[in-house]
Amino acid sequence: MQMGLVVGRVTATRKDEKLIGSKLLITQPIGTNDTLKYLPIIAVDTVGAGVGEKVLYVTGSMASRAAADKDAPIDAAIVGIIDSLDWERSGG
């Protein structure tokens, strides 16, 4: 799982029939200190996330498993909304 920040929404009136009814969100990958990582991705929302929320997302084969239709063509899926994050940096 990876962390991201939902920064926008995608509307696609024409898409694969297995994606009909799915909410597509633009998700910016972030680090534990909210630093931006990589380029934003488009992820299928499976948990009711919204713009401005920090989320957990998965990619690859795990993403399609998170969808209602396991055969949907999905590369990334939001699987959790982060309520809080507490961590301590380890090492020297």
PDB file of N, CA and C in Angstrom:
ATOM      1  N   MET A   1       0.840  -1.182   0.000  1.00  0.00           N
ATOM      2  CA  MET A   1       0.000   0.000   0.000  1.00  0.00           C
ATOM      3  C   MET A   1       0.878   1.235   0.000  1.00  0.00           C
ATOM      4  N   GLN A   2       0.332   2.274  -0.570  1.00  0.00           N
ATOM      5  CA  GLN A   2       1.026   3.551  -0.637  1.00  0.00           C
ATOM      6  C   GLN A   2       0.091   4.647  -0.167  1.00  0.00           C
ATOM      7  N   MET A   3       0.676   5.786   0.186  1.00  0.00           N
ATOM      8  CA  MET A   3      -0.132   6.917   0.631  1.00  0.00           C
ATOM      9  C   MET A   3      -0.264   7.937  -0.488  1.00  0.00           C
ATOM     10  N   GLY A   4      -1.416   8.592  -0.513  1.00  0.00           N
ATOM     11  CA  GLY A   4      -1.639   9.617  -1.508  1.00  0.00           C
ATOM     12  C   GLY A   4      -2.572  10.693  -0.989  1.00  0.00           C
ATOM     13  N   LEU A   5      -2.633  11.775  -1.723  1.00  0.00           N
ATOM     14  CA  LEU A   5      -3.538  12.879  -1.439  1.00  0.00           C
ATOM     15  C   LEU A   5      -4.444  13.042  -2.653  1.00  0.00           C
ATOM     16  N   VAL A   6      -5.741  13.000  -2.433  1.00  0.00           N
ATOM     17  CA  VAL A   6      -6.681  13.162  -3.540  1.00  0.00           C
ATOM     18  C   VAL A   6      -6.701  14.638  -3.925  1.00  0.00           C
ATOM     19  N   VAL A   7      -6.333  14.915  -5.178  1.00  0.00           N
ATOM     20  CA  VAL A   7      -6.216  16.300  -5.637  1.00  0.00           C
ATOM     21  C   VAL A   7      -7.236  16.673  -6.710  1.00  0.00           C
ATOM     22  N   GLY A   8      -8.029  15.718  -7.152  1.00  0.00           N
ATOM     23  CA  GLY A   8      -9.012  16.039  -8.183  1.00  0.00           C
ATOM     24  C   GLY A   8      -9.858  14.837  -8.540  1.00  0.00           C
ATOM     25  N   ARG A   9     -10.779  15.076  -9.452  1.00  0.00           N
ATOM     26  CA  ARG A   9     -11.716  14.045  -9.886  1.00  0.00           C
ATOM     27  C   ARG A   9     -11.720  13.984 -11.409  1.00  0.00           C
ATOM     28  N   VAL A  10     -11.924  12.810 -11.957  1.00  0.00           N
ATOM     29  CA  VAL A  10     -11.981  12.623 -13.406  1.00  0.00           C
ATOM     30  C   VAL A  10     -13.395  12.204 -13.783  1.00  0.00           C
ATOM     31  N   THR A  11     -13.947  12.848 -14.798  1.00  0.00           N
ATOM     32  CA  THR A  11     -15.240  12.444 -15.342  1.00  0.00           C
ATOM     33  C   THR A  11     -14.991  11.869 -16.731  1.00  0.00           C
ATOM     34  N   ALA A  12     -15.421  10.635 -16.916  1.00  0.00           N
ATOM     35  CA  ALA A  12     -15.269   9.979 -18.215  1.00  0.00           C
ATOM     36  C   ALA A  12     -16.629   9.412 -18.609  1.00  0.00           C
ATOM     37  N   THR A  13     -17.284  10.060 -19.563  1.00  0.00           N
ATOM     38  CA  THR A  13     -18.617   9.609 -19.955  1.00  0.00           C
ATOM     39  C   THR A  13     -18.570   8.322 -20.764  1.00  0.00           C
ATOM     40  N   ARG A  14     -17.444   8.063 -21.398  1.00  0.00           N
ATOM     41  CA  ARG A  14     -17.272   6.811 -22.155  1.00  0.00           C
ATOM     42  C   ARG A  14     -16.102   6.065 -21.546  1.00  0.00           C
ATOM     43  N   LYS A  15     -16.373   4.849 -21.078  1.00  0.00           N
ATOM     44  CA  LYS A  15     -15.334   4.032 -20.469  1.00  0.00           C
ATOM     45  C   LYS A  15     -15.747   2.571 -20.527  1.00  0.00           C
ATOM     46  N   ASP A  16     -14.846   1.692 -20.170  1.00  0.00           N
ATOM     47  CA  ASP A  16     -15.136   0.262 -20.139  1.00  0.00           C
ATOM     48  C   ASP A  16     -16.388   0.029 -19.293  1.00  0.00           C
ATOM     49  N   GLU A  17     -17.262  -0.848 -19.760  1.00  0.00           N
ATOM     50  CA  GLU A  17     -18.532  -1.087 -19.059  1.00  0.00           C
ATOM     51  C   GLU A  17     -18.330  -1.583 -17.634  1.00  0.00           C
ATOM     52  N   LYS A  18     -17.203  -2.199 -17.337  1.00  0.00           N
ATOM     53  CA  LYS A  18     -16.935  -2.675 -15.977  1.00  0.00           C
ATOM     54  C   LYS A  18     -16.562  -1.540 -15.037  1.00  0.00           C
ATOM     55  N   LEU A  19     -16.339  -0.340 -15.591  1.00  0.00           N
ATOM     56  CA  LEU A  19     -16.024   0.828 -14.768  1.00  0.00           C
ATOM     57  C   LEU A  19     -17.219   1.760 -14.587  1.00  0.00           C
ATOM     58  N   ILE A  20     -18.347   1.432 -15.204  1.00  0.00           N
ATOM     59  CA  ILE A  20     -19.530   2.277 -15.067  1.00  0.00           C
ATOM     60  C   ILE A  20     -19.955   2.297 -13.600  1.00  0.00           C
ATOM     61  N   GLY A  21     -20.158   3.491 -13.085  1.00  0.00           N
ATOM     62  CA  GLY A  21     -20.526   3.660 -11.687  1.00  0.00           C
ATOM     63  C   GLY A  21     -19.332   3.845 -10.764  1.00  0.00           C
ATOM     64  N   SER A  22     -18.121   3.697 -11.283  1.00  0.00           N
ATOM     65  CA  SER A  22     -16.914   3.877 -10.473  1.00  0.00           C
ATOM     66  C   SER A  22     -16.516   5.346 -10.436  1.00  0.00           C
ATOM     67  N   LYS A  23     -16.097   5.808  -9.270  1.00  0.00           N
ATOM     68  CA  LYS A  23     -15.598   7.173  -9.130  1.00  0.00           C
ATOM     69  C   LYS A  23     -14.089   7.142  -9.358  1.00  0.00           C
ATOM     70  N   LEU A  24     -13.603   8.011 -10.236  1.00  0.00           N
ATOM     71  CA  LEU A  24     -12.185   8.094 -10.570  1.00  0.00           C
ATOM     72  C   LEU A  24     -11.591   9.347  -9.947  1.00  0.00           C
ATOM     73  N   LEU A  25     -10.542   9.179  -9.152  1.00  0.00           N
ATOM     74  CA  LEU A  25      -9.936  10.304  -8.450  1.00  0.00           C
ATOM     75  C   LEU A  25      -8.469  10.457  -8.828  1.00  0.00           C
ATOM     76  N   ILE A  26      -8.035  11.702  -8.987  1.00  0.00           N
ATOM     77  CA  ILE A  26      -6.629  11.999  -9.235  1.00  0.00           C
ATOM     78  C   ILE A  26      -5.936  11.972  -7.876  1.00  0.00           C
ATOM     79  N   THR A  27      -4.949  11.104  -7.756  1.00  0.00           N
ATOM     80  CA  THR A  27      -4.286  10.878  -6.477  1.00  0.00           C
ATOM     81  C   THR A  27      -2.797  11.185  -6.601  1.00  0.00           C
ATOM     82  N   GLN A  28      -2.320  12.084  -5.757  1.00  0.00           N
ATOM     83  CA  GLN A  28      -0.902  12.464  -5.745  1.00  0.00           C
ATOM     84  C   GLN A  28      -0.174  11.616  -4.706  1.00  0.00           C
ATOM     85  N   PRO A  29       0.749  10.745  -5.112  1.00  0.00           N
ATOM     86  CA  PRO A  29       1.512   9.980  -4.134  1.00  0.00           C
ATOM     87  C   PRO A  29       2.288  10.915  -3.196  1.00  0.00           C
ATOM     88  N   ILE A  30       2.295  10.577  -1.894  1.00  0.00           N
ATOM     89  CA  ILE A  30       2.996  11.394  -0.903  1.00  0.00           C
ATOM     90  C   ILE A  30       3.819  10.497   0.019  1.00  0.00           C
ATOM     91  N   GLY A  31       4.814  11.114   0.673  1.00  0.00           N
ATOM     92  CA  GLY A  31       5.613  10.430   1.678  1.00  0.00           C
ATOM     93  C   GLY A  31       5.018  10.652   3.059  1.00  0.00           C
ATOM     94  N   THR A  32       5.646  10.092   4.077  1.00  0.00           N
ATOM     95  CA  THR A  32       5.126  10.198   5.439  1.00  0.00           C
ATOM     96  C   THR A  32       5.112  11.626   5.969  1.00  0.00           C
ATOM     97  N   ASN A  33       5.937  12.492   5.416  1.00  0.00           N
ATOM     98  CA  ASN A  33       5.944  13.895   5.838  1.00  0.00           C
ATOM     99  C   ASN A  33       5.241  14.789   4.815  1.00  0.00           C
ATOM    100  N   ASP A  34       4.332  14.203   4.051  1.00  0.00           N
ATOM    101  CA  ASP A  34       3.517  14.893   3.048  1.00  0.00           C
ATOM    102  C   ASP A  34       4.295  15.423   1.847  1.00  0.00           C
ATOM    103  N   THR A  35       5.542  14.970   1.667  1.00  0.00           N
ATOM    104  CA  THR A  35       6.285  15.386   0.482  1.00  0.00           C
ATOM    105  C   THR A  35       5.701  14.694  -0.742  1.00  0.00           C
ATOM    106  N   LEU A  36       5.635  15.422  -1.835  1.00  0.00           N
ATOM    107  CA  LEU A  36       5.098  14.862  -3.070  1.00  0.00           C
ATOM    108  C   LEU A  36       6.099  13.905  -3.685  1.00  0.00           C
ATOM    109  N   LYS A  37       5.590  12.763  -4.151  1.00  0.00           N
ATOM    110  CA  LYS A  37       6.420  11.748  -4.801  1.00  0.00           C
ATOM    111  C   LYS A  37       5.797  11.427  -6.146  1.00  0.00           C
ATOM    112  N   TYR A  38       6.606  11.303  -7.148  1.00  0.00           N
ATOM    113  CA  TYR A  38       6.142  10.853  -8.459  1.00  0.00           C
ATOM    114  C   TYR A  38       5.077  11.777  -9.049  1.00  0.00           C
ATOM    115  N   LEU A  39       4.502  11.349 -10.158  1.00  0.00           N
ATOM    116  CA  LEU A  39       3.422  12.074 -10.814  1.00  0.00           C
ATOM    117  C   LEU A  39       2.080  11.574 -10.287  1.00  0.00           C
ATOM    118  N   PRO A  40       1.040  12.392 -10.337  1.00  0.00           N
ATOM    119  CA  PRO A  40      -0.288  11.935  -9.894  1.00  0.00           C
ATOM    120  C   PRO A  40      -0.774  10.763 -10.748  1.00  0.00           C
ATOM    121  N   ILE A  41      -1.628   9.936 -10.160  1.00  0.00           N
ATOM    122  CA  ILE A  41      -2.227   8.806 -10.854  1.00  0.00           C
ATOM    123  C   ILE A  41      -3.742   8.929 -10.780  1.00  0.00           C
ATOM    124  N   ILE A  42      -4.428   8.188 -11.603  1.00  0.00           N
ATOM    125  CA  ILE A  42      -5.886   8.113 -11.527  1.00  0.00           C
ATOM    126  C   ILE A  42      -6.224   6.772 -10.895  1.00  0.00           C
ATOM    127  N   ALA A  43      -6.991   6.832  -9.799  1.00  0.00           N
ATOM    128  CA  ALA A  43      -7.329   5.616  -9.060  1.00  0.00           C
ATOM    129  C   ALA A  43      -8.838   5.494  -8.922  1.00  0.00           C
ATOM    130  N   VAL A  44      -9.322   4.262  -8.951  1.00  0.00           N
ATOM    131  CA  VAL A  44     -10.734   3.983  -8.707  1.00  0.00           C
ATOM    132  C   VAL A  44     -10.960   4.053  -7.199  1.00  0.00           C
ATOM    133  N   ASP A  45     -11.970   4.798  -6.789  1.00  0.00           N
ATOM    134  CA  ASP A  45     -12.288   4.946  -5.373  1.00  0.00           C
ATOM    135  C   ASP A  45     -13.206   3.813  -4.923  1.00  0.00           C
ATOM    136  N   THR A  46     -12.773   3.036  -3.921  1.00  0.00           N
ATOM    137  CA  THR A  46     -13.603   1.948  -3.407  1.00  0.00           C
ATOM    138  C   THR A  46     -14.131   2.235  -2.009  1.00  0.00           C
ATOM    139  N   VAL A  47     -13.800   3.415  -1.448  1.00  0.00           N
ATOM    140  CA  VAL A  47     -14.152   3.692  -0.054  1.00  0.00           C
ATOM    141  C   VAL A  47     -14.885   5.010   0.176  1.00  0.00           C
ATOM    142  N   GLY A  48     -15.188   5.762  -0.865  1.00  0.00           N
ATOM    143  CA  GLY A  48     -15.900   7.024  -0.695  1.00  0.00           C
ATOM    144  C   GLY A  48     -15.013   8.195  -0.319  1.00  0.00           C
ATOM    145  N   ALA A  49     -13.791   8.209  -0.827  1.00  0.00           N
ATOM    146  CA  ALA A  49     -12.857   9.309  -0.552  1.00  0.00           C
ATOM    147  C   ALA A  49     -13.256  10.555  -1.331  1.00  0.00           C
ATOM    148  N   GLY A  50     -12.709  11.690  -0.904  1.00  0.00           N
ATOM    149  CA  GLY A  50     -12.993  12.945  -1.582  1.00  0.00           C
ATOM    150  C   GLY A  50     -11.740  13.782  -1.742  1.00  0.00           C
ATOM    151  N   VAL A  51     -11.858  14.841  -2.520  1.00  0.00           N
ATOM    152  CA  VAL A  51     -10.735  15.742  -2.767  1.00  0.00           C
ATOM    153  C   VAL A  51     -10.258  16.318  -1.435  1.00  0.00           C
ATOM    154  N   GLY A  52      -8.933  16.328  -1.252  1.00  0.00           N
ATOM    155  CA  GLY A  52      -8.322  16.863  -0.042  1.00  0.00           C
ATOM    156  C   GLY A  52      -8.018  15.818   1.021  1.00  0.00           C
ATOM    157  N   GLU A  53      -8.496  14.591   0.833  1.00  0.00           N
ATOM    158  CA  GLU A  53      -8.262  13.557   1.832  1.00  0.00           C
ATOM    159  C   GLU A  53      -6.985  12.775   1.542  1.00  0.00           C
ATOM    160  N   LYS A  54      -6.310  12.374   2.621  1.00  0.00           N
ATOM    161  CA  LYS A  54      -5.169  11.471   2.495  1.00  0.00           C
ATOM    162  C   LYS A  54      -5.722  10.057   2.452  1.00  0.00           C
ATOM    163  N   VAL A  55      -5.167   9.254   1.551  1.00  0.00           N
ATOM    164  CA  VAL A  55      -5.707   7.923   1.318  1.00  0.00           C
ATOM    165  C   VAL A  55      -4.599   6.883   1.232  1.00  0.00           C
ATOM    166  N   LEU A  56      -5.015   5.627   1.324  1.00  0.00           N
ATOM    167  CA  LEU A  56      -4.165   4.488   1.035  1.00  0.00           C
ATOM    168  C   LEU A  56      -4.608   3.938  -0.311  1.00  0.00           C
ATOM    169  N   TYR A  57      -3.651   3.625  -1.170  1.00  0.00           N
ATOM    170  CA  TYR A  57      -4.014   3.054  -2.457  1.00  0.00           C
ATOM    171  C   TYR A  57      -3.087   1.898  -2.801  1.00  0.00           C
ATOM    172  N   VAL A  58      -3.586   1.029  -3.646  1.00  0.00           N
ATOM    173  CA  VAL A  58      -2.801  -0.112  -4.123  1.00  0.00           C
ATOM    174  C   VAL A  58      -2.742  -0.053  -5.643  1.00  0.00           C
ATOM    175  N   THR A  59      -1.734  -0.685  -6.192  1.00  0.00           N
ATOM    176  CA  THR A  59      -1.575  -0.713  -7.644  1.00  0.00           C
ATOM    177  C   THR A  59      -1.385  -2.154  -8.109  1.00  0.00           C
ATOM    178  N   GLY A  60      -1.431  -2.330  -9.410  1.00  0.00           N
ATOM    179  CA  GLY A  60      -1.206  -3.647  -9.988  1.00  0.00           C
ATOM    180  C   GLY A  60      -2.377  -4.589  -9.756  1.00  0.00           C
ATOM    181  N   SER A  61      -2.077  -5.874  -9.620  1.00  0.00           N
ATOM    182  CA  SER A  61      -3.140  -6.876  -9.499  1.00  0.00           C
ATOM    183  C   SER A  61      -3.984  -6.679  -8.243  1.00  0.00           C
ATOM    184  N   MET A  62      -3.403  -6.111  -7.201  1.00  0.00           N
ATOM    185  CA  MET A  62      -4.179  -5.858  -5.975  1.00  0.00           C
ATOM    186  C   MET A  62      -5.280  -4.823  -6.221  1.00  0.00           C
ATOM    187  N   ALA A  63      -5.075  -3.914  -7.136  1.00  0.00           N
ATOM    188  CA  ALA A  63      -6.066  -2.886  -7.418  1.00  0.00           C
ATOM    189  C   ALA A  63      -7.339  -3.489  -7.987  1.00  0.00           C
ATOM    190  N   SER A  64      -7.217  -4.398  -8.924  1.00  0.00           N
ATOM    191  CA  SER A  64      -8.419  -4.992  -9.507  1.00  0.00           C
ATOM    192  C   SER A  64      -9.139  -5.873  -8.496  1.00  0.00           C
ATOM    193  N   ARG A  65      -8.415  -6.457  -7.560  1.00  0.00           N
ATOM    194  CA  ARG A  65      -9.058  -7.259  -6.511  1.00  0.00           C
ATOM    195  C   ARG A  65      -9.906  -6.404  -5.584  1.00  0.00           C
ATOM    196  N   ALA A  66      -9.557  -5.130  -5.436  1.00  0.00           N
ATOM    197  CA  ALA A  66     -10.291  -4.239  -4.545  1.00  0.00           C
ATOM    198  C   ALA A  66     -11.619  -3.773  -5.142  1.00  0.00           C
ATOM    199  N   ALA A  67     -11.773  -3.909  -6.438  1.00  0.00           N
ATOM    200  CA  ALA A  67     -12.980  -3.432  -7.128  1.00  0.00           C
ATOM    201  C   ALA A  67     -14.129  -4.418  -6.965  1.00  0.00           C
ATOM    202  N   ALA A  68     -15.338  -3.921  -7.141  1.00  0.00           N
ATOM    203  CA  ALA A  68     -16.529  -4.776  -7.064  1.00  0.00           C
ATOM    204  C   ALA A  68     -16.474  -5.858  -8.143  1.00  0.00           C
ATOM    205  N   ASP A  69     -16.044  -5.485  -9.343  1.00  0.00           N
ATOM    206  CA  ASP A  69     -15.896  -6.437 -10.444  1.00  0.00           C
ATOM    207  C   ASP A  69     -14.413  -6.776 -10.551  1.00  0.00           C
ATOM    208  N   LYS A  70     -14.053  -7.965 -10.157  1.00  0.00           N
ATOM    209  CA  LYS A  70     -12.643  -8.378 -10.104  1.00  0.00           C
ATOM    210  C   LYS A  70     -11.978  -8.407 -11.482  1.00  0.00           C
ATOM    211  N   ASP A  71     -12.775  -8.367 -12.548  1.00  0.00           N
ATOM    212  CA  ASP A  71     -12.223  -8.373 -13.901  1.00  0.00           C
ATOM    213  C   ASP A  71     -12.140  -6.973 -14.503  1.00  0.00           C
ATOM    214  N   ALA A  72     -12.434  -5.941 -13.722  1.00  0.00           N
ATOM    215  CA  ALA A  72     -12.390  -4.567 -14.230  1.00  0.00           C
ATOM    216  C   ALA A  72     -10.938  -4.181 -14.545  1.00  0.00           C
ATOM    217  N   PRO A  73     -10.734  -3.393 -15.604  1.00  0.00           N
ATOM    218  CA  PRO A  73      -9.381  -2.990 -15.993  1.00  0.00           C
ATOM    219  C   PRO A  73      -8.874  -1.839 -15.117  1.00  0.00           C
ATOM    220  N   ILE A  74      -8.354  -2.186 -13.939  1.00  0.00           N
ATOM    221  CA  ILE A  74      -7.933  -1.180 -12.956  1.00  0.00           C
ATOM    222  C   ILE A  74      -6.453  -1.362 -12.641  1.00  0.00           C
ATOM    223  N   ASP A  75      -5.702  -0.256 -12.689  1.00  0.00           N
ATOM    224  CA  ASP A  75      -4.280  -0.266 -12.325  1.00  0.00           C
ATOM    225  C   ASP A  75      -4.045   0.271 -10.920  1.00  0.00           C
ATOM    226  N   ALA A  76      -4.974   1.113 -10.407  1.00  0.00           N
ATOM    227  CA  ALA A  76      -4.814   1.699  -9.074  1.00  0.00           C
ATOM    228  C   ALA A  76      -6.184   1.842  -8.423  1.00  0.00           C
ATOM    229  N   ALA A  77      -6.251   1.532  -7.117  1.00  0.00           N
ATOM    230  CA  ALA A  77      -7.514   1.634  -6.384  1.00  0.00           C
ATOM    231  C   ALA A  77      -7.262   2.212  -4.995  1.00  0.00           C
ATOM    232  N   ILE A  78      -8.124   3.143  -4.602  1.00  0.00           N
ATOM    233  CA  ILE A  78      -8.074   3.689  -3.253  1.00  0.00           C
ATOM    234  C   ILE A  78      -8.801   2.709  -2.350  1.00  0.00           C
ATOM    235  N   VAL A  79      -8.107   2.252  -1.283  1.00  0.00           N
ATOM    236  CA  VAL A  79      -8.660   1.220  -0.417  1.00  0.00           C
ATOM    237  C   VAL A  79      -8.824   1.677   1.029  1.00  0.00           C
ATOM    238  N   GLY A  80      -8.425   2.903   1.350  1.00  0.00           N
ATOM    239  CA  GLY A  80      -8.576   3.397   2.707  1.00  0.00           C
ATOM    240  C   GLY A  80      -8.431   4.898   2.768  1.00  0.00           C
ATOM    241  N   ILE A  81      -9.053   5.485   3.790  1.00  0.00           N
ATOM    242  CA  ILE A  81      -8.916   6.915   4.065  1.00  0.00           C
ATOM    243  C   ILE A  81      -8.125   7.037   5.363  1.00  0.00           C
ATOM    244  N   ILE A  82      -7.051   7.822   5.348  1.00  0.00           N
ATOM    245  CA  ILE A  82      -6.177   7.963   6.513  1.00  0.00           C
ATOM    246  C   ILE A  82      -6.788   8.971   7.485  1.00  0.00           C
ATOM    247  N   ASP A  83      -7.027   8.514   8.714  1.00  0.00           N
ATOM    248  CA  ASP A  83      -7.525   9.406   9.761  1.00  0.00           C
ATOM    249  C   ASP A  83      -6.379  10.105  10.474  1.00  0.00           C
ATOM    250  N   SER A  84      -5.327   9.365  10.756  1.00  0.00           N
ATOM    251  CA  SER A  84      -4.147   9.952  11.397  1.00  0.00           C
ATOM    252  C   SER A  84      -2.936   9.111  11.050  1.00  0.00           C
ATOM    253  N   LEU A  85      -1.774   9.710  11.223  1.00  0.00           N
ATOM    254  CA  LEU A  85      -0.517   9.030  10.933  1.00  0.00           C
ATOM    255  C   LEU A  85       0.486   9.438  12.003  1.00  0.00           C
ATOM    256  N   ASP A  86       0.958   8.478  12.778  1.00  0.00           N
ATOM    257  CA  ASP A  86       1.952   8.714  13.804  1.00  0.00           C
ATOM    258  C   ASP A  86       3.159   7.837  13.503  1.00  0.00           C
ATOM    259  N   TRP A  87       4.309   8.441  13.384  1.00  0.00           N
ATOM    260  CA  TRP A  87       5.506   7.663  13.092  1.00  0.00           C
ATOM    261  C   TRP A  87       6.730   8.350  13.647  1.00  0.00           C
ATOM    262  N   GLU A  88       7.745   7.550  13.910  1.00  0.00           N
ATOM    263  CA  GLU A  88       9.034   8.055  14.361  1.00  0.00           C
ATOM    264  C   GLU A  88      10.084   7.581  13.383  1.00  0.00           C
ATOM    265  N   ARG A  89      10.949   8.471  13.019  1.00  0.00           N
ATOM    266  CA  ARG A  89      12.014   8.099  12.100  1.00  0.00           C
ATOM    267  C   ARG A  89      13.039   7.255  12.849  1.00  0.00           C
ATOM    268  N   SER A  90      13.352   6.105  12.297  1.00  0.00           N
ATOM    269  CA  SER A  90      14.328   5.225  12.941  1.00  0.00           C
ATOM    270  C   SER A  90      15.688   5.368  12.274  1.00  0.00           C
ATOM    271  N   GLY A  91      16.703   4.898  12.918  1.00  0.00           N
ATOM    272  CA  GLY A  91      18.039   4.960  12.352  1.00  0.00           C
ATOM    273  C   GLY A  91      18.794   6.187  12.798  1.00  0.00           C
ATOM    274  N   GLY A  92      19.957   6.374  12.224  1.00  0.00           N
ATOM    275  CA  GLY A  92      20.814   7.451  12.654  1.00  0.00           C
ATOM    276  C   GLY A  92      20.913   8.578  11.763  1.00  0.00           C
TER     277      GLY A  92
END
